[in-house]
PDB file of N, CA and C in Angstrom:
ATOM      1  N   MET A   1     -88.446 -31.444  27.414  1.00  0.00           N
ATOM      2  CA  MET A   1     -89.007 -32.625  26.822  1.00  0.00           C
ATOM      3  C   MET A   1     -88.080 -33.112  25.703  1.00  0.00           C
ATOM      4  N   LEU A   2     -87.890 -34.414  25.619  1.00  0.00           N
ATOM      5  CA  LEU A   2     -87.062 -34.996  24.585  1.00  0.00           C
ATOM      6  C   LEU A   2     -87.872 -35.185  23.312  1.00  0.00           C
ATOM      7  N   LYS A   3     -87.251 -34.912  22.197  1.00  0.00           N
ATOM      8  CA  LYS A   3     -87.917 -35.089  20.912  1.00  0.00           C
ATOM      9  C   LYS A   3     -87.161 -36.111  20.090  1.00  0.00           C
ATOM     10  N   TRP A   4     -87.888 -36.895  19.361  1.00  0.00           N
ATOM     11  CA  TRP A   4     -87.304 -37.892  18.483  1.00  0.00           C
ATOM     12  C   TRP A   4     -87.010 -37.224  17.156  1.00  0.00           C
ATOM     13  N   ASN A   5     -85.801 -37.435  16.614  1.00  0.00           N
ATOM     14  CA  ASN A   5     -85.428 -36.752  15.384  1.00  0.00           C
ATOM     15  C   ASN A   5     -85.897 -37.490  14.133  1.00  0.00           C
ATOM     16  N   GLY A   6     -86.654 -38.543  14.284  1.00  0.00           N
ATOM     17  CA  GLY A   6     -87.191 -39.250  13.132  1.00  0.00           C
ATOM     18  C   GLY A   6     -86.164 -40.126  12.431  1.00  0.00           C
ATOM     19  N   GLY A   7     -85.059 -40.390  13.077  1.00  0.00           N
ATOM     20  CA  GLY A   7     -84.046 -41.244  12.469  1.00  0.00           C
ATOM     21  C   GLY A   7     -83.259 -40.538  11.383  1.00  0.00           C
ATOM     22  N   GLY A   8     -83.205 -39.217  11.436  1.00  0.00           N
ATOM     23  CA  GLY A   8     -82.521 -38.456  10.405  1.00  0.00           C
ATOM     24  C   GLY A   8     -81.016 -38.619  10.440  1.00  0.00           C
ATOM     25  N   ASN A   9     -80.445 -38.829  11.603  1.00  0.00           N
ATOM     26  CA  ASN A   9     -79.002 -38.972  11.703  1.00  0.00           C
ATOM     27  C   ASN A   9     -78.654 -40.423  12.018  1.00  0.00           C
ATOM     28  N   PRO A  10     -78.366 -41.228  10.994  1.00  0.00           N
ATOM     29  CA  PRO A  10     -78.035 -42.626  11.265  1.00  0.00           C
ATOM     30  C   PRO A  10     -76.667 -42.729  11.934  1.00  0.00           C
ATOM     31  N   THR A  11     -76.533 -43.718  12.776  1.00  0.00           N
ATOM     32  CA  THR A  11     -75.250 -43.927  13.427  1.00  0.00           C
ATOM     33  C   THR A  11     -74.278 -44.511  12.417  1.00  0.00           C
ATOM     34  N   THR A  12     -73.084 -44.039  12.456  1.00  0.00           N
ATOM     35  CA  THR A  12     -72.066 -44.553  11.540  1.00  0.00           C
ATOM     36  C   THR A  12     -71.249 -45.597  12.289  1.00  0.00           C
ATOM     37  N   LEU A  13     -71.113 -46.758  11.686  1.00  0.00           N
ATOM     38  CA  LEU A  13     -70.340 -47.828  12.297  1.00  0.00           C
ATOM     39  C   LEU A  13     -68.938 -47.828  11.706  1.00  0.00           C
ATOM     40  N   ILE A  14     -67.979 -47.713  12.584  1.00  0.00           N
ATOM     41  CA  ILE A  14     -66.591 -47.785  12.154  1.00  0.00           C
ATOM     42  C   ILE A  14     -66.128 -49.205  12.417  1.00  0.00           C
ATOM     43  N   MET A  15     -65.786 -49.919  11.348  1.00  0.00           N
ATOM     44  CA  MET A  15     -65.369 -51.304  11.464  1.00  0.00           C
ATOM     45  C   MET A  15     -63.851 -51.373  11.592  1.00  0.00           C
ATOM     46  N   LYS A  16     -63.391 -52.175  12.545  1.00  0.00           N
ATOM     47  CA  LYS A  16     -61.962 -52.382  12.752  1.00  0.00           C
ATOM     48  C   LYS A  16     -61.712 -53.869  12.933  1.00  0.00           C
ATOM     49  N   LYS A  17     -60.466 -54.275  12.741  1.00  0.00           N
ATOM     50  CA  LYS A  17     -60.095 -55.672  12.921  1.00  0.00           C
ATOM     51  C   LYS A  17     -59.524 -55.857  14.317  1.00  0.00           C
ATOM     52  N   TYR A  18     -59.954 -56.947  14.965  1.00  0.00           N
ATOM     53  CA  TYR A  18     -59.510 -57.264  16.320  1.00  0.00           C
ATOM     54  C   TYR A  18     -58.964 -58.680  16.356  1.00  0.00           C
ATOM     55  N   LEU A  19     -57.879 -58.867  17.101  1.00  0.00           N
ATOM     56  CA  LEU A  19     -57.278 -60.178  17.318  1.00  0.00           C
ATOM     57  C   LEU A  19     -57.872 -60.738  18.597  1.00  0.00           C
ATOM     58  N   ILE A  20     -58.494 -61.904  18.521  1.00  0.00           N
ATOM     59  CA  ILE A  20     -59.134 -62.525  19.673  1.00  0.00           C
ATOM     60  C   ILE A  20     -58.054 -63.216  20.509  1.00  0.00           C
ATOM     61  N   ILE A  21     -58.002 -62.891  21.803  1.00  0.00           N
ATOM     62  CA  ILE A  21     -56.998 -63.448  22.711  1.00  0.00           C
ATOM     63  C   ILE A  21     -57.517 -64.707  23.399  1.00  0.00           C
ATOM     64  N   GLN A  22     -58.783 -64.681  23.832  1.00  0.00           N
ATOM     65  CA  GLN A  22     -59.403 -65.822  24.500  1.00  0.00           C
ATOM     66  C   GLN A  22     -60.636 -66.241  23.712  1.00  0.00           C
ATOM     67  N   ASP A  23     -60.980 -67.534  23.776  1.00  0.00           N
ATOM     68  CA  ASP A  23     -62.209 -68.002  23.131  1.00  0.00           C
ATOM     69  C   ASP A  23     -63.384 -67.196  23.670  1.00  0.00           C
ATOM     70  N   THR A  24     -64.258 -66.765  22.787  1.00  0.00           N
ATOM     71  CA  THR A  24     -65.398 -65.951  23.195  1.00  0.00           C
ATOM     72  C   THR A  24     -66.514 -66.072  22.161  1.00  0.00           C
ATOM     73  N   VAL A  25     -67.603 -65.410  22.406  1.00  0.00           N
ATOM     74  CA  VAL A  25     -68.742 -65.388  21.485  1.00  0.00           C
ATOM     75  C   VAL A  25     -68.866 -63.972  20.931  1.00  0.00           C
ATOM     76  N   VAL A  26     -68.883 -63.866  19.601  1.00  0.00           N
ATOM     77  CA  VAL A  26     -69.014 -62.576  18.938  1.00  0.00           C
ATOM     78  C   VAL A  26     -70.163 -62.666  17.954  1.00  0.00           C
ATOM     79  N   LYS A  27     -71.128 -61.789  18.087  1.00  0.00           N
ATOM     80  CA  LYS A  27     -72.307 -61.740  17.209  1.00  0.00           C
ATOM     81  C   LYS A  27     -73.017 -63.087  17.162  1.00  0.00           C
ATOM     82  N   GLY A  28     -73.064 -63.785  18.284  1.00  0.00           N
ATOM     83  CA  GLY A  28     -73.768 -65.052  18.375  1.00  0.00           C
ATOM     84  C   GLY A  28     -72.984 -66.245  17.868  1.00  0.00           C
ATOM     85  N   GLU A  29     -71.736 -66.068  17.489  1.00  0.00           N
ATOM     86  CA  GLU A  29     -70.916 -67.164  16.985  1.00  0.00           C
ATOM     87  C   GLU A  29     -69.681 -67.330  17.867  1.00  0.00           C
ATOM     88  N   LYS A  30     -69.282 -68.591  18.075  1.00  0.00           N
ATOM     89  CA  LYS A  30     -68.082 -68.850  18.864  1.00  0.00           C
ATOM     90  C   LYS A  30     -66.857 -68.545  18.023  1.00  0.00           C
ATOM     91  N   VAL A  31     -65.895 -67.844  18.632  1.00  0.00           N
ATOM     92  CA  VAL A  31     -64.670 -67.459  17.947  1.00  0.00           C
ATOM     93  C   VAL A  31     -63.490 -67.997  18.739  1.00  0.00           C
ATOM     94  N   GLN A  32     -62.570 -68.656  18.045  1.00  0.00           N
ATOM     95  CA  GLN A  32     -61.401 -69.251  18.682  1.00  0.00           C
ATOM     96  C   GLN A  32     -60.328 -68.187  18.919  1.00  0.00           C
ATOM     97  N   ALA A  33     -59.489 -68.427  19.929  1.00  0.00           N
ATOM     98  CA  ALA A  33     -58.361 -67.543  20.211  1.00  0.00           C
ATOM     99  C   ALA A  33     -57.401 -67.572  19.030  1.00  0.00           C
ATOM    100  N   GLY A  34     -56.845 -66.426  18.680  1.00  0.00           N
ATOM    101  CA  GLY A  34     -55.928 -66.326  17.551  1.00  0.00           C
ATOM    102  C   GLY A  34     -56.605 -65.890  16.265  1.00  0.00           C
ATOM    103  N   SER A  35     -57.928 -65.845  16.245  1.00  0.00           N
ATOM    104  CA  SER A  35     -58.657 -65.430  15.051  1.00  0.00           C
ATOM    105  C   SER A  35     -58.659 -63.907  14.944  1.00  0.00           C
ATOM    106  N   VAL A  36     -58.747 -63.418  13.728  1.00  0.00           N
ATOM    107  CA  VAL A  36     -58.888 -61.988  13.482  1.00  0.00           C
ATOM    108  C   VAL A  36     -60.287 -61.764  12.932  1.00  0.00           C
ATOM    109  N   VAL A  37     -61.070 -60.945  13.629  1.00  0.00           N
ATOM    110  CA  VAL A  37     -62.445 -60.677  13.215  1.00  0.00           C
ATOM    111  C   VAL A  37     -62.632 -59.177  13.014  1.00  0.00           C
ATOM    112  N   GLU A  38     -63.560 -58.825  12.124  1.00  0.00           N
ATOM    113  CA  GLU A  38     -63.866 -57.422  11.887  1.00  0.00           C
ATOM    114  C   GLU A  38     -65.152 -57.088  12.630  1.00  0.00           C
ATOM    115  N   LEU A  39     -65.056 -56.138  13.555  1.00  0.00           N
ATOM    116  CA  LEU A  39     -66.184 -55.766  14.404  1.00  0.00           C
ATOM    117  C   LEU A  39     -66.369 -54.258  14.364  1.00  0.00           C
ATOM    118  N   ASP A  40     -67.572 -53.820  14.753  1.00  0.00           N
ATOM    119  CA  ASP A  40     -67.758 -52.393  14.899  1.00  0.00           C
ATOM    120  C   ASP A  40     -66.986 -51.940  16.142  1.00  0.00           C
ATOM    121  N   GLU A  41     -66.660 -50.673  16.160  1.00  0.00           N
ATOM    122  CA  GLU A  41     -65.763 -50.146  17.193  1.00  0.00           C
ATOM    123  C   GLU A  41     -66.321 -50.310  18.602  1.00  0.00           C
ATOM    124  N   GLN A  42     -67.622 -50.181  18.764  1.00  0.00           N
ATOM    125  CA  GLN A  42     -68.231 -50.274  20.084  1.00  0.00           C
ATOM    126  C   GLN A  42     -68.099 -51.689  20.655  1.00  0.00           C
ATOM    127  N   GLU A  43     -68.425 -52.694  19.857  1.00  0.00           N
ATOM    128  CA  GLU A  43     -68.331 -54.080  20.321  1.00  0.00           C
ATOM    129  C   GLU A  43     -66.867 -54.486  20.530  1.00  0.00           C
ATOM    130  N   GLY A  44     -65.991 -54.019  19.658  1.00  0.00           N
ATOM    131  CA  GLY A  44     -64.571 -54.316  19.782  1.00  0.00           C
ATOM    132  C   GLY A  44     -63.980 -53.729  21.050  1.00  0.00           C
ATOM    133  N   ASN A  45     -64.363 -52.504  21.372  1.00  0.00           N
ATOM    134  CA  ASN A  45     -63.865 -51.872  22.599  1.00  0.00           C
ATOM    135  C   ASN A  45     -64.362 -52.602  23.838  1.00  0.00           C
ATOM    136  N   ALA A  46     -65.571 -53.155  23.781  1.00  0.00           N
ATOM    137  CA  ALA A  46     -66.086 -53.928  24.914  1.00  0.00           C
ATOM    138  C   ALA A  46     -65.239 -55.185  25.119  1.00  0.00           C
ATOM    139  N   LEU A  47     -64.887 -55.875  24.030  1.00  0.00           N
ATOM    140  CA  LEU A  47     -64.048 -57.073  24.143  1.00  0.00           C
ATOM    141  C   LEU A  47     -62.643 -56.729  24.627  1.00  0.00           C
ATOM    142  N   VAL A  48     -62.120 -55.588  24.211  1.00  0.00           N
ATOM    143  CA  VAL A  48     -60.810 -55.147  24.692  1.00  0.00           C
ATOM    144  C   VAL A  48     -60.881 -54.872  26.189  1.00  0.00           C
ATOM    145  N   GLY A  49     -61.984 -54.293  26.634  1.00  0.00           N
ATOM    146  CA  GLY A  49     -62.171 -54.027  28.057  1.00  0.00           C
ATOM    147  C   GLY A  49     -62.242 -55.292  28.891  1.00  0.00           C
ATOM    148  N   TYR A  50     -62.776 -56.368  28.314  1.00  0.00           N
ATOM    149  CA  TYR A  50     -62.861 -57.653  29.011  1.00  0.00           C
ATOM    150  C   TYR A  50     -61.583 -58.477  28.861  1.00  0.00           C
ATOM    151  N   ASN A  51     -60.561 -57.917  28.206  1.00  0.00           N
ATOM    152  CA  ASN A  51     -59.293 -58.606  27.931  1.00  0.00           C
ATOM    153  C   ASN A  51     -59.506 -59.875  27.113  1.00  0.00           C
ATOM    154  N   LYS A  52     -60.444 -59.832  26.188  1.00  0.00           N
ATOM    155  CA  LYS A  52     -60.707 -60.972  25.313  1.00  0.00           C
ATOM    156  C   LYS A  52     -60.203 -60.701  23.893  1.00  0.00           C
ATOM    157  N   ALA A  53     -59.856 -59.441  23.592  1.00  0.00           N
ATOM    158  CA  ALA A  53     -59.391 -59.084  22.249  1.00  0.00           C
ATOM    159  C   ALA A  53     -58.453 -57.898  22.338  1.00  0.00           C
ATOM    160  N   GLU A  54     -57.721 -57.687  21.251  1.00  0.00           N
ATOM    161  CA  GLU A  54     -56.895 -56.495  21.129  1.00  0.00           C
ATOM    162  C   GLU A  54     -56.938 -56.035  19.680  1.00  0.00           C
ATOM    163  N   LEU A  55     -56.658 -54.777  19.454  1.00  0.00           N
ATOM    164  CA  LEU A  55     -56.694 -54.215  18.121  1.00  0.00           C
ATOM    165  C   LEU A  55     -55.637 -54.880  17.260  1.00  0.00           C
ATOM    166  N   HIS A  56     -56.030 -55.317  16.073  1.00  0.00           N
ATOM    167  CA  HIS A  56     -55.121 -56.038  15.172  1.00  0.00           C
ATOM    168  C   HIS A  56     -54.337 -55.034  14.344  1.00  0.00           C
ATOM    169  N   VAL A  57     -53.014 -55.186  14.355  1.00  0.00           N
ATOM    170  CA  VAL A  57     -52.145 -54.338  13.544  1.00  0.00           C
ATOM    171  C   VAL A  57     -51.517 -55.223  12.479  1.00  0.00           C
ATOM    172  N   ALA A  58     -51.811 -54.931  11.226  1.00  0.00           N
ATOM    173  CA  ALA A  58     -51.292 -55.741  10.130  1.00  0.00           C
ATOM    174  C   ALA A  58     -49.799 -55.472   9.959  1.00  0.00           C
ATOM    175  N   LYS A  59     -49.045 -56.542   9.794  1.00  0.00           N
ATOM    176  CA  LYS A  59     -47.613 -56.403   9.580  1.00  0.00           C
ATOM    177  C   LYS A  59     -47.363 -56.167   8.099  1.00  0.00           C
ATOM    178  N   LYS A  60     -46.515 -55.200   7.815  1.00  0.00           N
ATOM    179  CA  LYS A  60     -46.167 -54.933   6.426  1.00  0.00           C
ATOM    180  C   LYS A  60     -45.017 -55.848   6.039  1.00  0.00           C
ATOM    181  N   THR A  61     -45.188 -56.562   4.948  1.00  0.00           N
ATOM    182  CA  THR A  61     -44.136 -57.439   4.469  1.00  0.00           C
ATOM    183  C   THR A  61     -43.421 -56.749   3.321  1.00  0.00           C
ATOM    184  N   VAL A  62     -42.127 -56.703   3.426  1.00  0.00           N
ATOM    185  CA  VAL A  62     -41.320 -56.080   2.395  1.00  0.00           C
ATOM    186  C   VAL A  62     -40.777 -57.181   1.497  1.00  0.00           C
ATOM    187  N   LYS A  63     -41.096 -57.073   0.225  1.00  0.00           N
ATOM    188  CA  LYS A  63     -40.638 -58.076  -0.719  1.00  0.00           C
ATOM    189  C   LYS A  63     -39.178 -57.801  -1.036  1.00  0.00           C
ATOM    190  N   THR A  64     -38.349 -58.780  -0.788  1.00  0.00           N
ATOM    191  CA  THR A  64     -36.934 -58.628  -1.078  1.00  0.00           C
ATOM    192  C   THR A  64     -36.565 -59.572  -2.207  1.00  0.00           C
ATOM    193  N   ASP A  65     -35.929 -59.025  -3.190  1.00  0.00           N
ATOM    194  CA  ASP A  65     -35.456 -59.828  -4.309  1.00  0.00           C
ATOM    195  C   ASP A  65     -33.961 -59.998  -4.122  1.00  0.00           C
ATOM    196  N   ARG A  66     -33.567 -61.152  -3.651  1.00  0.00           N
ATOM    197  CA  ARG A  66     -32.178 -61.382  -3.300  1.00  0.00           C
ATOM    198  C   ARG A  66     -31.292 -61.615  -4.510  1.00  0.00           C
ATOM    199  N   SER A  67     -31.855 -61.769  -5.679  1.00  0.00           N
ATOM    200  CA  SER A  67     -31.046 -62.041  -6.858  1.00  0.00           C
ATOM    201  C   SER A  67     -30.804 -60.787  -7.701  1.00  0.00           C
ATOM    202  N   VAL A  68     -30.996 -59.639  -7.125  1.00  0.00           N
ATOM    203  CA  VAL A  68     -30.868 -58.401  -7.886  1.00  0.00           C
ATOM    204  C   VAL A  68     -29.441 -58.211  -8.402  1.00  0.00           C
ATOM    205  N   GLY A  69     -28.436 -58.379  -7.547  1.00  0.00           N
ATOM    206  CA  GLY A  69     -27.066 -58.128  -7.958  1.00  0.00           C
ATOM    207  C   GLY A  69     -26.395 -59.313  -8.622  1.00  0.00           C
ATOM    208  N   LEU A  70     -27.071 -60.431  -8.736  1.00  0.00           N
ATOM    209  CA  LEU A  70     -26.479 -61.634  -9.286  1.00  0.00           C
ATOM    210  C   LEU A  70     -26.556 -61.604 -10.809  1.00  0.00           C
ATOM    211  N   GLU A  71     -25.383 -61.618 -11.457  1.00  0.00           N
ATOM    212  CA  GLU A  71     -25.382 -61.588 -12.914  1.00  0.00           C
ATOM    213  C   GLU A  71     -25.188 -62.973 -13.501  1.00  0.00           C
ATOM    214  N   GLU A  72     -24.191 -63.698 -13.000  1.00  0.00           N
ATOM    215  CA  GLU A  72     -23.950 -65.050 -13.488  1.00  0.00           C
ATOM    216  C   GLU A  72     -23.686 -65.964 -12.310  1.00  0.00           C
ATOM    217  N   SER A  73     -24.060 -67.193 -12.487  1.00  0.00           N
ATOM    218  CA  SER A  73     -23.831 -68.169 -11.441  1.00  0.00           C
ATOM    219  C   SER A  73     -22.522 -68.895 -11.710  1.00  0.00           C
ATOM    220  N   GLU A  74     -21.701 -69.077 -10.693  1.00  0.00           N
ATOM    221  CA  GLU A  74     -20.429 -69.778 -10.839  1.00  0.00           C
ATOM    222  C   GLU A  74     -20.599 -71.279 -10.644  1.00  0.00           C
ATOM    223  N   ALA A  75     -21.758 -71.722 -10.254  1.00  0.00           N
ATOM    224  CA  ALA A  75     -22.003 -73.145 -10.029  1.00  0.00           C
ATOM    225  C   ALA A  75     -22.075 -73.873 -11.361  1.00  0.00           C
ATOM    226  N   PRO A  76     -21.646 -75.138 -11.370  1.00  0.00           N
ATOM    227  CA  PRO A  76     -21.731 -75.901 -12.618  1.00  0.00           C
ATOM    228  C   PRO A  76     -23.185 -76.163 -12.988  1.00  0.00           C
ATOM    229  N   LYS A  77     -23.408 -76.414 -14.271  1.00  0.00           N
ATOM    230  CA  LYS A  77     -24.763 -76.662 -14.765  1.00  0.00           C
ATOM    231  C   LYS A  77     -25.299 -77.939 -14.137  1.00  0.00           C
ATOM    232  N   VAL A  78     -26.558 -77.926 -13.755  1.00  0.00           N
ATOM    233  CA  VAL A  78     -27.189 -79.055 -13.096  1.00  0.00           C
ATOM    234  C   VAL A  78     -27.465 -80.148 -14.121  1.00  0.00           C
ATOM    235  N   SER A  79     -27.032 -81.372 -13.819  1.00  0.00           N
ATOM    236  CA  SER A  79     -27.304 -82.484 -14.733  1.00  0.00           C
ATOM    237  C   SER A  79     -28.575 -83.184 -14.293  1.00  0.00           C
ATOM    238  N   LYS A  80     -29.443 -83.457 -15.237  1.00  0.00           N
ATOM    239  CA  LYS A  80     -30.723 -84.092 -14.951  1.00  0.00           C
ATOM    240  C   LYS A  80     -30.616 -85.579 -15.212  1.00  0.00           C
ATOM    241  N   ARG A  81     -31.517 -86.335 -14.619  1.00  0.00           N
ATOM    242  CA  ARG A  81     -31.525 -87.783 -14.849  1.00  0.00           C
ATOM    243  C   ARG A  81     -31.903 -88.087 -16.287  1.00  0.00           C
ATOM    244  N   LYS A  82     -31.321 -89.138 -16.769  1.00  0.00           N
ATOM    245  CA  LYS A  82     -31.649 -89.557 -18.131  1.00  0.00           C
ATOM    246  C   LYS A  82     -32.820 -90.515 -18.087  1.00  0.00           C
ATOM    247  N   ALA A  83     -33.617 -90.492 -19.109  1.00  0.00           N
ATOM    248  CA  ALA A  83     -34.813 -91.338 -19.175  1.00  0.00           C
ATOM    249  C   ALA A  83     -34.410 -92.795 -19.333  1.00  0.00           C
ATOM    250  N   LYS A  84     -35.144 -93.700 -18.665  1.00  0.00           N
ATOM    251  CA  LYS A  84     -34.884 -95.132 -18.800  1.00  0.00           C
ATOM    252  C   LYS A  84     -35.508 -95.621 -20.105  1.00  0.00           C
ATOM    253  N   LYS A  85     -34.845 -96.613 -20.688  1.00  0.00           N
ATOM    254  CA  LYS A  85     -35.367 -97.171 -21.936  1.00  0.00           C
ATOM    255  C   LYS A  85     -36.166 -98.407 -21.706  1.00  0.00           C
TER     256      LYS A  85
END
């Protein structure tokens, strides 16, 4: 016989970001292709199975400071326009 545990063990939802490939409906709302939405893992896996979404991988951007080695500029000083009288 099956026994009900009284709701003692709540289900844990793991939220992940998914990139929508085709227009679809998620949680009752229309979502355009190219959007990134945060869904629970179960619903996200269903959309991946239907080829409507894929797991979103964030790109890491590396900040490059191109003026690090530049000490002095050899260019002449910029002349600004003079005010009209």
